[in-house]
Structure formats: C-alpha cells, structure tokens
Amino acid sequence: MFSLRPNYGVSDSTLSSSSLCHPRVRFTTASGQEIDFVPSYSTNTLHEGYEVPVQYHPDHPQDAFISSFMELWVWPLLAGGLGFILAFMGIVLIRLTKKTRSRVFVR
C-alpha cells in the first residue's frame, strides 16, 4: 500500500493553445527535491504564479498531479455512470424478454 503526500506547487509558465493551456507546476518535495511537471489535462483557470494543491508518491515525485476534482474524480464518475447505464439497460432487457416469453406460452 502507498500513500500520497500533499504539497503545494506554483504554476510557473504555460504552454498554450487557443484559450486552454497546460500549466507547468513546480514544487519542492519533503526531501528538498525540486520537481517540475505538466498536468495531463488542459485548463483555462490556472495562470502564472497561482498556488495549487499537489499530490505525489514519495518514491516517484515526478508522477505528481494537481489535487483537483478533475484529476481525482472524473474517471471514477465516468466509469460509475457507464456501469449504471449498462446495468439499467440490462434490467430493462431482462424485463422485456420475460414479458414476451410469458405472452408466447400463455394460451
């Protein structure tokens, strides 16, 4: 089991394309190592000098990420939503097939 360490980083500069940008975030680990990284998603809310919450694994600080709703919850919510839709469709199909079977055998 591993634990992520919370920290704060500062948005240093941006790599922009149109109105969205990929901010470059810099932070210092608990051991004093300075790390730069670019998040995996684009945003238009972070600008140079903004302080952002960062989480990283102590053994792999280069794999850090911004601790935001998007990074933490978007994939679990999408997977859960898809699972709910598929389960709902399965229940509807089971009920429909049961109704058609009962109509065929009843005389």
N, C-alpha and C. Protein backbone atom coordinates (compact mmCIF):
# COMPACT_ATOMS: atom_id res chain seq x y z
N MET A 1 0.85 -1.18 0.00
CA MET A 1 0.00 0.00 0.00
C MET A 1 0.89 1.24 0.00
N PHE A 2 0.43 2.28 -0.63
CA PHE A 2 1.21 3.50 -0.68
C PHE A 2 0.33 4.67 -0.27
N SER A 3 0.96 5.74 0.10
CA SER A 3 0.22 6.95 0.44
C SER A 3 0.77 8.11 -0.36
N LEU A 4 -0.12 8.99 -0.75
CA LEU A 4 0.29 10.17 -1.49
C LEU A 4 0.57 11.28 -0.50
N ARG A 5 1.56 12.08 -0.80
CA ARG A 5 1.90 13.20 0.07
C ARG A 5 1.30 14.47 -0.50
N PRO A 6 0.58 15.23 0.32
CA PRO A 6 0.06 16.51 -0.17
C PRO A 6 1.15 17.58 -0.11
N ASN A 7 1.06 18.54 -0.98
CA ASN A 7 2.00 19.65 -1.02
C ASN A 7 1.36 20.77 -1.82
N TYR A 8 2.03 21.87 -1.96
CA TYR A 8 1.55 22.96 -2.80
C TYR A 8 2.60 23.29 -3.84
N GLY A 9 2.15 23.53 -5.05
CA GLY A 9 3.05 23.91 -6.13
C GLY A 9 2.60 25.23 -6.70
N VAL A 10 3.46 25.86 -7.47
CA VAL A 10 3.15 27.14 -8.09
C VAL A 10 3.18 26.97 -9.59
N SER A 11 2.13 27.46 -10.24
CA SER A 11 2.07 27.43 -11.69
C SER A 11 3.14 28.38 -12.22
N ASP A 12 4.10 27.83 -12.95
CA ASP A 12 5.29 28.58 -13.35
C ASP A 12 5.10 29.28 -14.69
N SER A 13 4.76 28.53 -15.69
CA SER A 13 4.54 29.09 -17.02
C SER A 13 3.52 28.21 -17.72
N THR A 14 3.05 28.66 -18.85
CA THR A 14 2.01 27.89 -19.53
C THR A 14 2.42 27.58 -20.95
N LEU A 15 1.97 26.42 -21.41
CA LEU A 15 2.11 26.03 -22.81
C LEU A 15 0.71 26.14 -23.38
N SER A 16 0.42 27.18 -24.13
CA SER A 16 -0.96 27.43 -24.51
C SER A 16 -1.24 27.06 -25.95
N SER A 17 -2.50 26.70 -26.15
CA SER A 17 -3.04 26.50 -27.49
C SER A 17 -4.47 27.03 -27.43
N SER A 18 -4.75 28.06 -28.15
CA SER A 18 -6.02 28.80 -28.12
C SER A 18 -6.27 29.32 -26.71
N SER A 19 -7.47 29.08 -26.15
CA SER A 19 -7.79 29.63 -24.84
C SER A 19 -7.44 28.68 -23.71
N LEU A 20 -7.10 27.42 -24.01
CA LEU A 20 -6.70 26.46 -22.98
C LEU A 20 -5.18 26.41 -22.87
N CYS A 21 -4.70 26.03 -21.69
CA CYS A 21 -3.26 25.94 -21.52
C CYS A 21 -2.89 24.74 -20.66
N HIS A 22 -1.67 24.31 -20.79
CA HIS A 22 -1.08 23.25 -19.96
C HIS A 22 -0.10 23.95 -19.02
N PRO A 23 -0.49 24.20 -17.77
CA PRO A 23 0.43 24.90 -16.88
C PRO A 23 1.60 24.01 -16.46
N ARG A 24 2.75 24.59 -16.30
CA ARG A 24 3.91 23.88 -15.76
C ARG A 24 3.93 24.20 -14.27
N VAL A 25 3.91 23.16 -13.44
CA VAL A 25 3.83 23.34 -12.00
C VAL A 25 5.17 22.94 -11.38
N ARG A 26 5.63 23.73 -10.42
CA ARG A 26 6.89 23.46 -9.73
C ARG A 26 6.60 23.38 -8.24
N PHE A 27 7.16 22.34 -7.59
CA PHE A 27 7.03 22.20 -6.14
C PHE A 27 8.27 21.54 -5.58
N THR A 28 8.41 21.61 -4.27
CA THR A 28 9.55 21.01 -3.58
C THR A 28 9.04 19.88 -2.70
N THR A 29 9.65 18.70 -2.80
CA THR A 29 9.24 17.55 -2.01
C THR A 29 9.70 17.71 -0.56
N ALA A 30 9.24 16.80 0.29
CA ALA A 30 9.63 16.83 1.70
C ALA A 30 11.13 16.62 1.87
N SER A 31 11.75 15.92 0.92
CA SER A 31 13.20 15.69 1.00
C SER A 31 14.01 16.83 0.38
N GLY A 32 13.33 17.86 -0.15
CA GLY A 32 14.02 19.02 -0.70
C GLY A 32 14.25 18.98 -2.20
N GLN A 33 13.78 17.94 -2.87
CA GLN A 33 13.96 17.82 -4.32
C GLN A 33 12.95 18.73 -5.03
N GLU A 34 13.41 19.51 -5.99
CA GLU A 34 12.52 20.39 -6.75
C GLU A 34 12.02 19.65 -7.99
N ILE A 35 10.72 19.63 -8.18
CA ILE A 35 10.08 18.89 -9.26
C ILE A 35 9.26 19.84 -10.14
N ASP A 36 9.38 19.69 -11.44
CA ASP A 36 8.53 20.37 -12.43
C ASP A 36 7.70 19.32 -13.14
N PHE A 37 6.43 19.62 -13.38
CA PHE A 37 5.60 18.72 -14.18
C PHE A 37 4.51 19.50 -14.88
N VAL A 38 3.97 18.90 -15.93
CA VAL A 38 2.84 19.47 -16.67
C VAL A 38 1.67 18.53 -16.47
N PRO A 39 0.51 19.02 -15.98
CA PRO A 39 -0.65 18.15 -15.76
C PRO A 39 -1.11 17.51 -17.07
N SER A 40 -1.88 16.44 -16.92
CA SER A 40 -2.33 15.68 -18.08
C SER A 40 -3.53 16.30 -18.78
N TYR A 41 -4.07 17.37 -18.25
CA TYR A 41 -5.25 17.99 -18.86
C TYR A 41 -5.02 19.48 -19.06
N SER A 42 -5.79 20.07 -19.97
CA SER A 42 -5.72 21.50 -20.24
C SER A 42 -6.71 22.24 -19.36
N THR A 43 -6.41 23.48 -19.09
CA THR A 43 -7.30 24.29 -18.27
C THR A 43 -7.18 25.74 -18.69
N ASN A 44 -8.17 26.52 -18.33
CA ASN A 44 -8.08 27.96 -18.56
C ASN A 44 -8.17 28.72 -17.24
N THR A 45 -8.08 27.99 -16.12
CA THR A 45 -8.22 28.62 -14.81
C THR A 45 -6.90 28.85 -14.08
N LEU A 46 -5.82 28.22 -14.51
CA LEU A 46 -4.53 28.40 -13.85
C LEU A 46 -3.66 29.36 -14.64
N HIS A 47 -3.09 30.30 -13.95
CA HIS A 47 -2.21 31.26 -14.59
C HIS A 47 -0.90 31.33 -13.81
N GLU A 48 0.09 31.95 -14.39
CA GLU A 48 1.41 32.01 -13.78
C GLU A 48 1.34 32.63 -12.38
N GLY A 49 1.97 31.93 -11.43
CA GLY A 49 2.01 32.41 -10.06
C GLY A 49 0.94 31.85 -9.15
N TYR A 50 -0.07 31.16 -9.70
CA TYR A 50 -1.12 30.56 -8.88
C TYR A 50 -0.54 29.42 -8.06
N GLU A 51 -0.98 29.32 -6.81
CA GLU A 51 -0.59 28.20 -5.96
C GLU A 51 -1.67 27.14 -6.05
N VAL A 52 -1.27 25.90 -6.31
CA VAL A 52 -2.21 24.80 -6.48
C VAL A 52 -1.84 23.64 -5.57
N PRO A 53 -2.84 22.88 -5.08
CA PRO A 53 -2.52 21.70 -4.27
C PRO A 53 -1.99 20.58 -5.17
N VAL A 54 -0.94 19.93 -4.71
CA VAL A 54 -0.27 18.88 -5.47
C VAL A 54 -0.19 17.63 -4.61
N GLN A 55 -0.32 16.46 -5.22
CA GLN A 55 -0.09 15.20 -4.52
C GLN A 55 0.94 14.39 -5.30
N TYR A 56 1.78 13.68 -4.55
CA TYR A 56 2.82 12.87 -5.20
C TYR A 56 3.16 11.68 -4.32
N HIS A 57 3.68 10.65 -4.94
CA HIS A 57 4.16 9.48 -4.22
C HIS A 57 5.61 9.76 -3.83
N PRO A 58 5.99 9.52 -2.57
CA PRO A 58 7.35 9.84 -2.13
C PRO A 58 8.45 9.15 -2.96
N ASP A 59 8.18 7.95 -3.46
CA ASP A 59 9.18 7.24 -4.25
C ASP A 59 9.22 7.69 -5.71
N HIS A 60 8.15 8.32 -6.19
CA HIS A 60 8.05 8.76 -7.59
C HIS A 60 7.47 10.17 -7.66
N PRO A 61 8.17 11.16 -7.16
CA PRO A 61 7.60 12.52 -7.14
C PRO A 61 7.40 13.10 -8.54
N GLN A 62 8.09 12.57 -9.54
CA GLN A 62 7.93 13.08 -10.90
C GLN A 62 6.55 12.74 -11.47
N ASP A 63 5.83 11.81 -10.84
CA ASP A 63 4.48 11.44 -11.27
C ASP A 63 3.41 12.22 -10.50
N ALA A 64 3.74 13.40 -10.05
CA ALA A 64 2.82 14.22 -9.26
C ALA A 64 1.63 14.67 -10.11
N PHE A 65 0.57 15.08 -9.44
CA PHE A 65 -0.58 15.63 -10.13
C PHE A 65 -1.23 16.71 -9.28
N ILE A 66 -1.96 17.59 -9.94
CA ILE A 66 -2.70 18.63 -9.23
C ILE A 66 -3.88 17.96 -8.54
N SER A 67 -4.03 18.20 -7.27
CA SER A 67 -5.11 17.59 -6.49
C SER A 67 -6.39 18.39 -6.74
N SER A 68 -7.10 18.02 -7.79
CA SER A 68 -8.33 18.73 -8.17
C SER A 68 -9.44 17.72 -8.42
N PHE A 69 -10.65 18.22 -8.52
CA PHE A 69 -11.79 17.37 -8.82
C PHE A 69 -11.56 16.59 -10.10
N MET A 70 -11.06 17.26 -11.11
CA MET A 70 -10.84 16.63 -12.41
C MET A 70 -9.89 15.44 -12.31
N GLU A 71 -8.77 15.63 -11.64
CA GLU A 71 -7.78 14.55 -11.52
C GLU A 71 -8.26 13.41 -10.63
N LEU A 72 -8.98 13.74 -9.57
CA LEU A 72 -9.34 12.72 -8.58
C LEU A 72 -10.63 11.96 -8.91
N TRP A 73 -11.61 12.62 -9.50
CA TRP A 73 -12.94 12.02 -9.59
C TRP A 73 -13.52 11.84 -10.98
N VAL A 74 -12.97 12.44 -12.01
CA VAL A 74 -13.63 12.38 -13.31
C VAL A 74 -13.69 10.95 -13.85
N TRP A 75 -12.61 10.17 -13.77
CA TRP A 75 -12.64 8.79 -14.30
C TRP A 75 -13.50 7.86 -13.46
N PRO A 76 -13.44 7.91 -12.12
CA PRO A 76 -14.36 7.06 -11.35
C PRO A 76 -15.83 7.40 -11.60
N LEU A 77 -16.14 8.69 -11.74
CA LEU A 77 -17.53 9.07 -12.02
C LEU A 77 -17.98 8.61 -13.40
N LEU A 78 -17.11 8.73 -14.39
CA LEU A 78 -17.46 8.26 -15.73
C LEU A 78 -17.66 6.74 -15.75
N ALA A 79 -16.77 6.01 -15.08
CA ALA A 79 -16.90 4.56 -15.04
C ALA A 79 -18.16 4.15 -14.28
N GLY A 80 -18.44 4.81 -13.16
CA GLY A 80 -19.66 4.51 -12.40
C GLY A 80 -20.92 4.84 -13.17
N GLY A 81 -20.90 5.97 -13.88
CA GLY A 81 -22.05 6.35 -14.71
C GLY A 81 -22.30 5.36 -15.83
N LEU A 82 -21.23 4.93 -16.48
CA LEU A 82 -21.36 3.94 -17.55
C LEU A 82 -21.88 2.62 -17.00
N GLY A 83 -21.36 2.22 -15.83
CA GLY A 83 -21.84 0.98 -15.19
C GLY A 83 -23.31 1.07 -14.85
N PHE A 84 -23.75 2.22 -14.34
CA PHE A 84 -25.16 2.41 -14.01
C PHE A 84 -26.03 2.31 -15.26
N ILE A 85 -25.62 2.95 -16.33
CA ILE A 85 -26.40 2.91 -17.59
C ILE A 85 -26.47 1.48 -18.12
N LEU A 86 -25.36 0.76 -18.12
CA LEU A 86 -25.37 -0.63 -18.62
C LEU A 86 -26.22 -1.53 -17.73
N ALA A 87 -26.16 -1.34 -16.41
CA ALA A 87 -27.00 -2.14 -15.51
C ALA A 87 -28.48 -1.84 -15.74
N PHE A 88 -28.81 -0.58 -15.92
CA PHE A 88 -30.20 -0.19 -16.18
C PHE A 88 -30.69 -0.81 -17.49
N MET A 89 -29.87 -0.76 -18.52
CA MET A 89 -30.26 -1.35 -19.81
C MET A 89 -30.43 -2.86 -19.67
N GLY A 90 -29.57 -3.51 -18.90
CA GLY A 90 -29.69 -4.96 -18.68
C GLY A 90 -30.98 -5.32 -17.97
N ILE A 91 -31.34 -4.55 -16.95
CA ILE A 91 -32.60 -4.80 -16.22
C ILE A 91 -33.80 -4.62 -17.14
N VAL A 92 -33.78 -3.57 -17.95
CA VAL A 92 -34.90 -3.33 -18.88
C VAL A 92 -34.99 -4.47 -19.88
N LEU A 93 -33.88 -4.92 -20.43
CA LEU A 93 -33.90 -6.02 -21.40
C LEU A 93 -34.40 -7.32 -20.77
N ILE A 94 -34.00 -7.59 -19.54
CA ILE A 94 -34.48 -8.80 -18.85
C ILE A 94 -35.98 -8.74 -18.66
N ARG A 95 -36.48 -7.61 -18.23
CA ARG A 95 -37.93 -7.48 -18.02
C ARG A 95 -38.71 -7.59 -19.33
N LEU A 96 -38.17 -7.00 -20.40
CA LEU A 96 -38.85 -7.08 -21.69
C LEU A 96 -38.88 -8.51 -22.20
N THR A 97 -37.79 -9.24 -22.05
CA THR A 97 -37.78 -10.62 -22.53
C THR A 97 -38.69 -11.51 -21.69
N LYS A 98 -38.82 -11.24 -20.39
CA LYS A 98 -39.73 -12.02 -19.55
C LYS A 98 -41.18 -11.79 -19.97
N LYS A 99 -41.54 -10.55 -20.31
CA LYS A 99 -42.90 -10.24 -20.74
C LYS A 99 -43.23 -10.91 -22.06
N THR A 100 -42.28 -10.89 -23.01
CA THR A 100 -42.56 -11.50 -24.30
C THR A 100 -42.62 -13.03 -24.19
N ARG A 101 -41.84 -13.62 -23.31
CA ARG A 101 -41.89 -15.07 -23.11
C ARG A 101 -43.22 -15.48 -22.50
N SER A 102 -43.71 -14.71 -21.54
CA SER A 102 -44.97 -15.09 -20.89
C SER A 102 -46.13 -14.95 -21.85
N ARG A 103 -46.07 -14.03 -22.80
CA ARG A 103 -47.14 -13.87 -23.78
C ARG A 103 -47.14 -15.02 -24.79
N VAL A 104 -45.97 -15.54 -25.13
CA VAL A 104 -45.86 -16.61 -26.12
C VAL A 104 -46.43 -17.92 -25.56
N PHE A 105 -46.17 -18.23 -24.31
CA PHE A 105 -46.58 -19.52 -23.75
C PHE A 105 -47.98 -19.52 -23.17
N VAL A 106 -48.58 -18.39 -22.93
CA VAL A 106 -49.93 -18.35 -22.36
C VAL A 106 -50.94 -18.43 -23.49
N ARG A 107 -51.94 -19.36 -23.34
CA ARG A 107 -52.97 -19.50 -24.40
C ARG A 107 -54.32 -19.23 -23.86
